[in-house]
N, C-alpha and C. Protein backbone atom coordinates (compact mmCIF):
# COMPACT_ATOMS: atom_id res chain seq x y z
N UNK A 1 1.71 -8.15 5.24
CA UNK A 1 2.51 -9.35 5.44
C UNK A 1 3.07 -9.37 6.86
N UNK A 2 2.93 -10.49 7.56
CA UNK A 2 3.45 -10.55 8.94
C UNK A 2 4.98 -10.58 8.95
N UNK A 3 5.53 -10.15 10.07
CA UNK A 3 6.97 -10.08 10.23
C UNK A 3 7.35 -10.78 11.53
N UNK A 4 8.40 -11.60 11.49
CA UNK A 4 8.91 -12.25 12.69
C UNK A 4 10.12 -11.46 13.17
N UNK A 5 10.04 -11.05 14.44
CA UNK A 5 11.11 -10.24 15.03
C UNK A 5 11.50 -10.82 16.38
N UNK A 6 12.74 -10.62 16.80
CA UNK A 6 13.13 -11.04 18.14
C UNK A 6 12.35 -10.23 19.18
N UNK A 7 12.02 -10.86 20.28
CA UNK A 7 11.35 -10.18 21.38
C UNK A 7 12.33 -9.24 22.06
N UNK A 8 11.84 -8.12 22.54
CA UNK A 8 12.65 -7.19 23.33
C UNK A 8 12.05 -7.11 24.73
N UNK A 9 12.79 -6.52 25.65
CA UNK A 9 12.29 -6.41 27.02
C UNK A 9 10.97 -5.65 27.07
N UNK A 10 10.80 -4.67 26.20
CA UNK A 10 9.55 -3.89 26.21
C UNK A 10 8.36 -4.72 25.70
N UNK A 11 8.63 -5.88 25.09
CA UNK A 11 7.56 -6.76 24.61
C UNK A 11 7.07 -7.71 25.69
N UNK A 12 7.77 -7.82 26.81
CA UNK A 12 7.44 -8.83 27.81
C UNK A 12 6.02 -8.66 28.36
N UNK A 13 5.63 -7.46 28.72
CA UNK A 13 4.28 -7.25 29.27
C UNK A 13 3.20 -7.50 28.20
N UNK A 14 3.36 -7.00 26.97
CA UNK A 14 2.35 -7.32 25.95
C UNK A 14 2.26 -8.82 25.64
N UNK A 15 3.39 -9.53 25.67
CA UNK A 15 3.36 -10.98 25.43
C UNK A 15 2.64 -11.67 26.59
N UNK A 16 2.90 -11.22 27.80
CA UNK A 16 2.22 -11.78 28.97
C UNK A 16 0.70 -11.60 28.85
N UNK A 17 0.26 -10.44 28.45
CA UNK A 17 -1.18 -10.18 28.26
C UNK A 17 -1.76 -11.00 27.13
N UNK A 18 -1.02 -11.09 26.01
CA UNK A 18 -1.49 -11.89 24.87
C UNK A 18 -1.59 -13.36 25.26
N UNK A 19 -0.61 -13.86 25.99
CA UNK A 19 -0.64 -15.26 26.43
C UNK A 19 -1.88 -15.51 27.30
N UNK A 20 -2.17 -14.60 28.21
CA UNK A 20 -3.35 -14.75 29.07
C UNK A 20 -4.62 -14.83 28.23
N UNK A 21 -4.77 -13.93 27.28
CA UNK A 21 -5.96 -13.94 26.44
C UNK A 21 -6.08 -15.25 25.65
N UNK A 22 -4.97 -15.68 25.07
CA UNK A 22 -4.97 -16.92 24.28
C UNK A 22 -5.26 -18.12 25.17
N UNK A 23 -4.56 -18.24 26.28
CA UNK A 23 -4.69 -19.41 27.14
C UNK A 23 -6.10 -19.55 27.73
N UNK A 24 -6.67 -18.43 28.18
CA UNK A 24 -8.01 -18.51 28.78
C UNK A 24 -9.04 -19.02 27.77
N UNK A 25 -8.85 -18.70 26.52
CA UNK A 25 -9.77 -19.19 25.49
C UNK A 25 -9.39 -20.59 25.03
N UNK A 26 -8.10 -20.82 24.76
CA UNK A 26 -7.64 -22.08 24.17
C UNK A 26 -7.79 -23.27 25.11
N UNK A 27 -7.47 -23.07 26.37
CA UNK A 27 -7.42 -24.21 27.29
C UNK A 27 -8.65 -24.38 28.16
N UNK A 28 -9.65 -23.52 27.94
CA UNK A 28 -10.92 -23.67 28.66
C UNK A 28 -11.49 -25.04 28.34
N UNK A 29 -11.81 -25.81 29.35
CA UNK A 29 -12.33 -27.15 29.14
C UNK A 29 -11.25 -28.22 29.11
N UNK A 30 -10.00 -27.85 28.79
CA UNK A 30 -8.89 -28.80 28.81
C UNK A 30 -8.20 -28.79 30.16
N UNK A 31 -8.06 -27.59 30.73
CA UNK A 31 -7.39 -27.38 32.00
C UNK A 31 -8.30 -26.58 32.92
N UNK A 32 -8.13 -26.74 34.22
CA UNK A 32 -8.89 -25.93 35.16
C UNK A 32 -8.37 -24.49 35.09
N UNK A 33 -9.22 -23.54 35.49
CA UNK A 33 -8.79 -22.14 35.55
C UNK A 33 -7.61 -22.02 36.52
N UNK A 34 -7.63 -22.78 37.60
CA UNK A 34 -6.53 -22.74 38.57
C UNK A 34 -5.22 -23.17 37.91
N UNK A 35 -5.25 -24.22 37.08
CA UNK A 35 -4.02 -24.66 36.42
C UNK A 35 -3.59 -23.65 35.35
N UNK A 36 -4.54 -23.08 34.63
CA UNK A 36 -4.19 -22.06 33.63
C UNK A 36 -3.49 -20.90 34.32
N UNK A 37 -4.06 -20.41 35.40
CA UNK A 37 -3.46 -19.28 36.13
C UNK A 37 -2.07 -19.64 36.66
N UNK A 38 -1.93 -20.85 37.18
CA UNK A 38 -0.64 -21.31 37.69
C UNK A 38 0.41 -21.32 36.57
N UNK A 39 0.03 -21.87 35.43
CA UNK A 39 0.98 -21.99 34.32
C UNK A 39 1.30 -20.63 33.70
N UNK A 40 0.32 -19.73 33.63
CA UNK A 40 0.60 -18.38 33.13
C UNK A 40 1.61 -17.68 34.02
N UNK A 41 1.44 -17.81 35.32
CA UNK A 41 2.39 -17.19 36.26
C UNK A 41 3.77 -17.81 36.12
N UNK A 42 3.80 -19.12 35.96
CA UNK A 42 5.06 -19.87 35.85
C UNK A 42 5.82 -19.54 34.56
N UNK A 43 5.11 -19.26 33.47
CA UNK A 43 5.74 -19.16 32.16
C UNK A 43 5.74 -17.77 31.54
N UNK A 44 4.80 -16.92 31.94
CA UNK A 44 4.61 -15.67 31.20
C UNK A 44 4.71 -14.41 32.05
N UNK A 45 5.21 -14.54 33.26
CA UNK A 45 5.47 -13.36 34.07
C UNK A 45 6.52 -12.53 33.32
N UNK A 46 6.30 -11.22 33.15
CA UNK A 46 7.29 -10.42 32.42
C UNK A 46 8.71 -10.56 32.93
N UNK A 47 8.90 -10.71 34.24
CA UNK A 47 10.26 -10.87 34.78
C UNK A 47 10.91 -12.17 34.29
N UNK A 48 10.12 -13.22 34.16
CA UNK A 48 10.65 -14.49 33.65
C UNK A 48 11.05 -14.32 32.19
N UNK A 49 10.19 -13.68 31.42
CA UNK A 49 10.51 -13.44 30.01
C UNK A 49 11.79 -12.60 29.91
N UNK A 50 11.90 -11.55 30.71
CA UNK A 50 13.11 -10.70 30.71
C UNK A 50 14.36 -11.55 30.92
N UNK A 51 14.32 -12.42 31.92
CA UNK A 51 15.51 -13.22 32.23
C UNK A 51 15.84 -14.18 31.09
N UNK A 52 14.82 -14.69 30.42
CA UNK A 52 15.07 -15.62 29.32
C UNK A 52 15.64 -14.91 28.08
N UNK A 53 15.35 -13.64 27.93
CA UNK A 53 15.84 -12.91 26.76
C UNK A 53 17.36 -12.81 26.72
N UNK A 54 18.01 -12.91 27.86
CA UNK A 54 19.47 -12.83 27.88
C UNK A 54 20.13 -14.21 27.84
N UNK A 55 19.33 -15.26 27.80
CA UNK A 55 19.86 -16.63 27.74
C UNK A 55 20.10 -17.02 26.29
N UNK A 56 21.33 -17.33 25.95
CA UNK A 56 21.71 -17.65 24.56
C UNK A 56 21.15 -18.98 24.07
N UNK A 57 20.53 -19.77 24.96
CA UNK A 57 19.94 -21.05 24.57
C UNK A 57 18.43 -20.94 24.35
N UNK A 58 17.90 -19.70 24.43
CA UNK A 58 16.46 -19.48 24.30
C UNK A 58 16.23 -18.40 23.24
N UNK A 59 15.30 -18.69 22.32
CA UNK A 59 14.96 -17.75 21.25
C UNK A 59 13.48 -17.39 21.35
N UNK A 60 13.18 -16.17 21.78
CA UNK A 60 11.81 -15.65 21.80
C UNK A 60 11.60 -14.83 20.54
N UNK A 61 10.48 -15.08 19.85
CA UNK A 61 10.14 -14.32 18.64
C UNK A 61 8.70 -13.83 18.75
N UNK A 62 8.43 -12.72 18.10
CA UNK A 62 7.07 -12.20 18.02
C UNK A 62 6.66 -12.14 16.56
N UNK A 63 5.39 -12.37 16.32
CA UNK A 63 4.83 -12.27 14.98
C UNK A 63 4.01 -10.99 14.95
N UNK A 64 4.43 -10.06 14.11
CA UNK A 64 3.82 -8.73 14.06
C UNK A 64 3.08 -8.55 12.74
N UNK A 65 1.86 -8.08 12.84
CA UNK A 65 1.04 -7.78 11.66
C UNK A 65 0.43 -6.39 11.88
N UNK A 66 0.64 -5.50 10.93
CA UNK A 66 0.11 -4.13 11.03
C UNK A 66 0.45 -3.50 12.38
N UNK A 67 1.70 -3.63 12.81
CA UNK A 67 2.24 -3.02 14.03
C UNK A 67 1.68 -3.61 15.32
N UNK A 68 0.97 -4.75 15.23
CA UNK A 68 0.44 -5.42 16.42
C UNK A 68 1.04 -6.81 16.54
N UNK A 69 1.34 -7.21 17.77
CA UNK A 69 1.82 -8.56 18.01
C UNK A 69 0.61 -9.49 17.99
N UNK A 70 0.59 -10.43 17.05
CA UNK A 70 -0.55 -11.37 16.93
C UNK A 70 -0.17 -12.79 17.34
N UNK A 71 1.10 -13.01 17.59
CA UNK A 71 1.55 -14.34 17.99
C UNK A 71 2.98 -14.30 18.46
N UNK A 72 3.43 -15.45 18.95
CA UNK A 72 4.80 -15.52 19.45
C UNK A 72 5.24 -16.97 19.52
N UNK A 73 6.55 -17.14 19.60
CA UNK A 73 7.12 -18.46 19.82
C UNK A 73 8.32 -18.33 20.73
N UNK A 74 8.67 -19.44 21.34
CA UNK A 74 9.87 -19.51 22.16
C UNK A 74 10.47 -20.89 21.94
N UNK A 75 11.70 -20.90 21.48
CA UNK A 75 12.42 -22.16 21.26
C UNK A 75 13.60 -22.21 22.22
N UNK A 76 13.94 -23.44 22.63
CA UNK A 76 15.08 -23.58 23.52
C UNK A 76 15.87 -24.84 23.21
N UNK A 77 17.17 -24.74 23.49
CA UNK A 77 18.06 -25.89 23.36
C UNK A 77 17.73 -26.87 24.45
N UNK A 78 17.65 -28.15 24.12
CA UNK A 78 17.44 -29.17 25.14
C UNK A 78 18.80 -29.69 25.59
N UNK A 79 18.79 -30.65 26.49
CA UNK A 79 20.05 -31.27 26.93
C UNK A 79 20.65 -32.14 25.84
N UNK A 80 19.79 -32.57 24.90
CA UNK A 80 20.28 -33.33 23.74
C UNK A 80 20.91 -32.35 22.76
N UNK A 81 22.16 -32.52 22.38
CA UNK A 81 22.82 -31.53 21.52
C UNK A 81 22.23 -31.41 20.12
N UNK A 82 21.44 -32.38 19.69
CA UNK A 82 20.87 -32.32 18.34
C UNK A 82 19.43 -31.82 18.32
N UNK A 83 18.88 -31.44 19.49
CA UNK A 83 17.47 -31.06 19.58
C UNK A 83 17.25 -29.59 19.90
N UNK A 84 16.24 -29.05 19.24
CA UNK A 84 15.69 -27.75 19.58
C UNK A 84 14.22 -27.99 19.91
N UNK A 85 13.74 -27.38 20.98
CA UNK A 85 12.34 -27.56 21.38
C UNK A 85 11.55 -26.28 21.15
N UNK A 86 10.41 -26.42 20.49
CA UNK A 86 9.45 -25.32 20.47
C UNK A 86 8.72 -25.41 21.80
N UNK A 87 9.03 -24.49 22.69
CA UNK A 87 8.45 -24.52 24.03
C UNK A 87 7.11 -23.78 24.07
N UNK A 88 6.97 -22.77 23.22
CA UNK A 88 5.74 -21.99 23.15
C UNK A 88 5.53 -21.58 21.69
N UNK A 89 4.30 -21.69 21.23
CA UNK A 89 3.95 -21.21 19.90
C UNK A 89 2.44 -20.94 19.91
N UNK A 90 2.10 -19.66 19.85
CA UNK A 90 0.69 -19.28 19.95
C UNK A 90 0.37 -18.15 18.97
N UNK A 91 -0.82 -18.23 18.41
CA UNK A 91 -1.36 -17.20 17.53
C UNK A 91 -2.70 -16.77 18.13
N UNK A 92 -2.95 -15.47 18.17
CA UNK A 92 -4.24 -14.98 18.67
C UNK A 92 -5.36 -15.59 17.85
N UNK A 93 -6.46 -15.96 18.52
CA UNK A 93 -7.56 -16.67 17.86
C UNK A 93 -8.17 -15.91 16.68
N UNK A 94 -8.07 -14.59 16.65
CA UNK A 94 -8.59 -13.83 15.50
C UNK A 94 -7.76 -14.06 14.23
N UNK A 95 -6.60 -14.68 14.39
CA UNK A 95 -5.69 -14.88 13.26
C UNK A 95 -5.41 -16.35 12.96
N UNK A 96 -6.23 -17.24 13.51
CA UNK A 96 -6.07 -18.66 13.22
C UNK A 96 -6.42 -18.96 11.77
N UNK A 97 -5.88 -20.06 11.28
CA UNK A 97 -6.16 -20.60 9.95
C UNK A 97 -5.78 -19.64 8.81
N UNK A 98 -4.70 -18.90 9.04
CA UNK A 98 -4.20 -17.99 8.01
C UNK A 98 -2.75 -18.28 7.66
N UNK A 99 -2.23 -19.40 8.18
CA UNK A 99 -0.86 -19.80 7.88
C UNK A 99 0.20 -19.21 8.80
N UNK A 100 -0.21 -18.49 9.84
CA UNK A 100 0.76 -17.84 10.71
C UNK A 100 1.50 -18.83 11.60
N UNK A 101 0.82 -19.88 12.03
CA UNK A 101 1.50 -20.91 12.81
C UNK A 101 2.60 -21.56 11.99
N UNK A 102 2.29 -21.82 10.73
CA UNK A 102 3.28 -22.42 9.82
C UNK A 102 4.50 -21.51 9.66
N UNK A 103 4.26 -20.20 9.64
CA UNK A 103 5.36 -19.25 9.53
C UNK A 103 6.27 -19.34 10.76
N UNK A 104 5.67 -19.44 11.95
CA UNK A 104 6.49 -19.55 13.17
C UNK A 104 7.21 -20.90 13.23
N UNK A 105 6.57 -21.97 12.78
CA UNK A 105 7.26 -23.27 12.73
C UNK A 105 8.43 -23.18 11.75
N UNK A 106 8.21 -22.54 10.60
CA UNK A 106 9.30 -22.37 9.64
C UNK A 106 10.47 -21.61 10.23
N UNK A 107 10.17 -20.60 11.03
CA UNK A 107 11.24 -19.85 11.70
C UNK A 107 11.99 -20.74 12.69
N UNK A 108 11.25 -21.59 13.41
CA UNK A 108 11.91 -22.53 14.34
C UNK A 108 12.82 -23.49 13.58
N UNK A 109 12.39 -23.94 12.42
CA UNK A 109 13.22 -24.82 11.59
C UNK A 109 14.50 -24.10 11.17
N UNK A 110 14.39 -22.82 10.80
CA UNK A 110 15.58 -22.03 10.45
C UNK A 110 16.54 -21.94 11.63
N UNK A 111 16.00 -21.69 12.82
CA UNK A 111 16.84 -21.63 14.02
C UNK A 111 17.50 -22.97 14.27
N UNK A 112 16.73 -24.05 14.14
CA UNK A 112 17.26 -25.40 14.34
C UNK A 112 18.46 -25.64 13.43
N UNK A 113 18.32 -25.29 12.17
CA UNK A 113 19.42 -25.51 11.22
C UNK A 113 20.60 -24.60 11.50
N UNK A 114 20.33 -23.35 11.88
CA UNK A 114 21.40 -22.39 12.15
C UNK A 114 22.27 -22.82 13.32
N UNK A 115 21.68 -23.51 14.28
CA UNK A 115 22.47 -23.94 15.44
C UNK A 115 22.91 -25.40 15.31
N UNK A 116 22.76 -25.94 14.11
CA UNK A 116 23.26 -27.28 13.76
C UNK A 116 22.54 -28.39 14.52
N UNK A 117 21.25 -28.21 14.74
CA UNK A 117 20.44 -29.29 15.31
C UNK A 117 19.75 -30.02 14.17
N UNK A 118 19.33 -31.25 14.42
CA UNK A 118 18.68 -32.04 13.37
C UNK A 118 17.27 -32.49 13.75
N UNK A 119 16.84 -32.13 14.95
CA UNK A 119 15.52 -32.57 15.41
C UNK A 119 14.82 -31.42 16.12
N UNK A 120 13.55 -31.23 15.75
CA UNK A 120 12.71 -30.21 16.38
C UNK A 120 11.63 -30.95 17.15
N UNK A 121 11.49 -30.64 18.43
CA UNK A 121 10.49 -31.32 19.25
C UNK A 121 9.54 -30.30 19.88
N UNK A 122 8.42 -30.79 20.35
CA UNK A 122 7.46 -29.97 21.09
C UNK A 122 6.55 -30.90 21.86
N UNK A 123 5.84 -30.34 22.82
CA UNK A 123 4.79 -31.08 23.51
C UNK A 123 3.49 -30.33 23.28
N UNK A 124 2.40 -31.10 23.22
CA UNK A 124 1.08 -30.50 22.98
C UNK A 124 0.06 -31.26 23.82
N UNK A 125 -0.84 -30.52 24.45
CA UNK A 125 -1.88 -31.13 25.28
C UNK A 125 -2.64 -32.18 24.46
N UNK A 126 -2.82 -33.34 25.05
CA UNK A 126 -3.47 -34.45 24.34
C UNK A 126 -4.90 -34.12 23.90
N UNK A 127 -5.53 -33.15 24.54
CA UNK A 127 -6.89 -32.76 24.16
C UNK A 127 -6.92 -31.64 23.13
N UNK A 128 -5.77 -31.11 22.78
CA UNK A 128 -5.70 -29.97 21.85
C UNK A 128 -5.63 -30.51 20.41
N UNK A 129 -6.74 -31.08 19.97
CA UNK A 129 -6.80 -31.77 18.69
C UNK A 129 -6.47 -30.86 17.50
N UNK A 130 -6.90 -29.62 17.55
CA UNK A 130 -6.62 -28.69 16.45
C UNK A 130 -5.12 -28.49 16.30
N UNK A 131 -4.43 -28.26 17.41
CA UNK A 131 -2.98 -28.05 17.35
C UNK A 131 -2.26 -29.32 16.91
N UNK A 132 -2.70 -30.46 17.41
CA UNK A 132 -2.07 -31.74 17.02
C UNK A 132 -2.17 -31.93 15.51
N UNK A 133 -3.35 -31.69 14.97
CA UNK A 133 -3.53 -31.84 13.52
C UNK A 133 -2.67 -30.85 12.73
N UNK A 134 -2.59 -29.62 13.23
CA UNK A 134 -1.76 -28.61 12.55
C UNK A 134 -0.30 -29.05 12.55
N UNK A 135 0.20 -29.48 13.70
CA UNK A 135 1.60 -29.91 13.77
C UNK A 135 1.85 -31.11 12.86
N UNK A 136 0.90 -32.01 12.76
CA UNK A 136 1.05 -33.15 11.86
C UNK A 136 1.12 -32.67 10.41
N UNK A 137 0.32 -31.69 10.04
CA UNK A 137 0.39 -31.13 8.69
C UNK A 137 1.75 -30.50 8.42
N UNK A 138 2.38 -29.94 9.46
CA UNK A 138 3.69 -29.31 9.31
C UNK A 138 4.83 -30.33 9.27
N UNK A 139 4.51 -31.61 9.50
CA UNK A 139 5.53 -32.65 9.42
C UNK A 139 5.94 -33.27 10.74
N UNK A 140 5.30 -32.91 11.83
CA UNK A 140 5.60 -33.51 13.13
C UNK A 140 4.87 -34.84 13.26
N UNK A 141 5.47 -35.74 14.03
CA UNK A 141 4.85 -37.03 14.35
C UNK A 141 4.81 -37.18 15.87
N UNK A 142 3.77 -37.83 16.36
CA UNK A 142 3.70 -38.15 17.78
C UNK A 142 4.70 -39.28 18.04
N UNK A 143 5.63 -39.03 18.98
CA UNK A 143 6.64 -40.05 19.27
C UNK A 143 6.54 -40.57 20.70
N UNK A 144 5.62 -40.03 21.49
CA UNK A 144 5.48 -40.52 22.85
C UNK A 144 4.57 -39.66 23.69
N UNK A 145 4.50 -40.02 24.96
CA UNK A 145 3.72 -39.28 25.93
C UNK A 145 4.67 -38.46 26.79
N UNK A 146 4.17 -37.35 27.29
CA UNK A 146 4.94 -36.51 28.20
C UNK A 146 4.00 -36.10 29.32
N UNK A 147 4.09 -36.78 30.45
CA UNK A 147 3.28 -36.44 31.61
C UNK A 147 4.25 -35.88 32.65
N UNK A 148 4.05 -34.60 32.99
CA UNK A 148 5.01 -33.90 33.84
C UNK A 148 4.30 -33.25 35.02
N UNK A 149 4.82 -33.50 36.21
CA UNK A 149 4.35 -32.82 37.42
C UNK A 149 4.98 -31.44 37.42
N UNK A 150 4.14 -30.40 37.27
CA UNK A 150 4.66 -29.04 37.20
C UNK A 150 4.56 -28.30 38.53
N UNK A 151 4.19 -29.04 39.58
CA UNK A 151 4.07 -28.44 40.89
C UNK A 151 2.66 -27.92 41.14
N UNK A 152 2.41 -27.50 42.34
CA UNK A 152 1.12 -26.95 42.70
C UNK A 152 -0.02 -27.95 42.62
N UNK A 153 0.32 -29.24 42.53
CA UNK A 153 -0.70 -30.26 42.38
C UNK A 153 -1.18 -30.43 40.94
N UNK A 154 -0.46 -29.83 39.99
CA UNK A 154 -0.86 -29.85 38.58
C UNK A 154 0.08 -30.71 37.74
N UNK A 155 -0.48 -31.26 36.68
CA UNK A 155 0.27 -32.08 35.73
C UNK A 155 0.00 -31.59 34.32
N UNK A 156 0.99 -31.74 33.46
CA UNK A 156 0.78 -31.55 32.03
C UNK A 156 0.70 -32.95 31.43
N UNK A 157 -0.35 -33.22 30.69
CA UNK A 157 -0.56 -34.51 30.05
C UNK A 157 -0.53 -34.28 28.55
N UNK A 158 0.67 -34.40 27.97
CA UNK A 158 0.91 -34.02 26.59
C UNK A 158 1.39 -35.18 25.73
N UNK A 159 1.33 -34.94 24.43
CA UNK A 159 2.05 -35.79 23.48
C UNK A 159 3.39 -35.13 23.21
N UNK A 160 4.41 -35.93 23.03
CA UNK A 160 5.71 -35.47 22.55
C UNK A 160 5.69 -35.66 21.04
N UNK A 161 5.97 -34.58 20.31
CA UNK A 161 5.99 -34.65 18.86
C UNK A 161 7.37 -34.24 18.37
N UNK A 162 7.76 -34.76 17.21
CA UNK A 162 9.09 -34.45 16.68
C UNK A 162 9.06 -34.38 15.16
N UNK A 163 10.04 -33.65 14.65
CA UNK A 163 10.29 -33.52 13.22
C UNK A 163 11.80 -33.55 13.05
N UNK A 164 12.28 -34.33 12.11
CA UNK A 164 13.72 -34.37 11.84
C UNK A 164 13.99 -33.71 10.50
N UNK A 165 15.16 -33.07 10.44
CA UNK A 165 15.51 -32.40 9.17
C UNK A 165 16.35 -33.32 8.31
């Protein structure tokens, strides 16, 4: 049975490596290798993860199965006092379609309720049809577009999805 645990500083490098493996496979064909590398550096550098672990508005979790990290999530408080955002949620491709994503979404819902928020949001690449369908099965709805200039000449072209409790 998988276990959800808070991330520790010693998990930062393994999460960074896991993210690289997942992203290179998941976003191939959706994003250029240059954009993937840029975003991995921007989001998954172990030093960035370390700094986020001490921020009380950010919740990093790891999904552990048989003593191995097979997935992770990161939720953060938005500027809206009633919103929690799933900023990152990934499962290693060897463990897809086993309900593990749903487990991490369920954990995000628990966090949302514990901090007295009523809305859970996320963004997902418009070409990531598998993830969009999964989030819809979990109760999320597409509520808009999110096109963001992330620097380096790169843009994220996502759907904004939401679920209310």
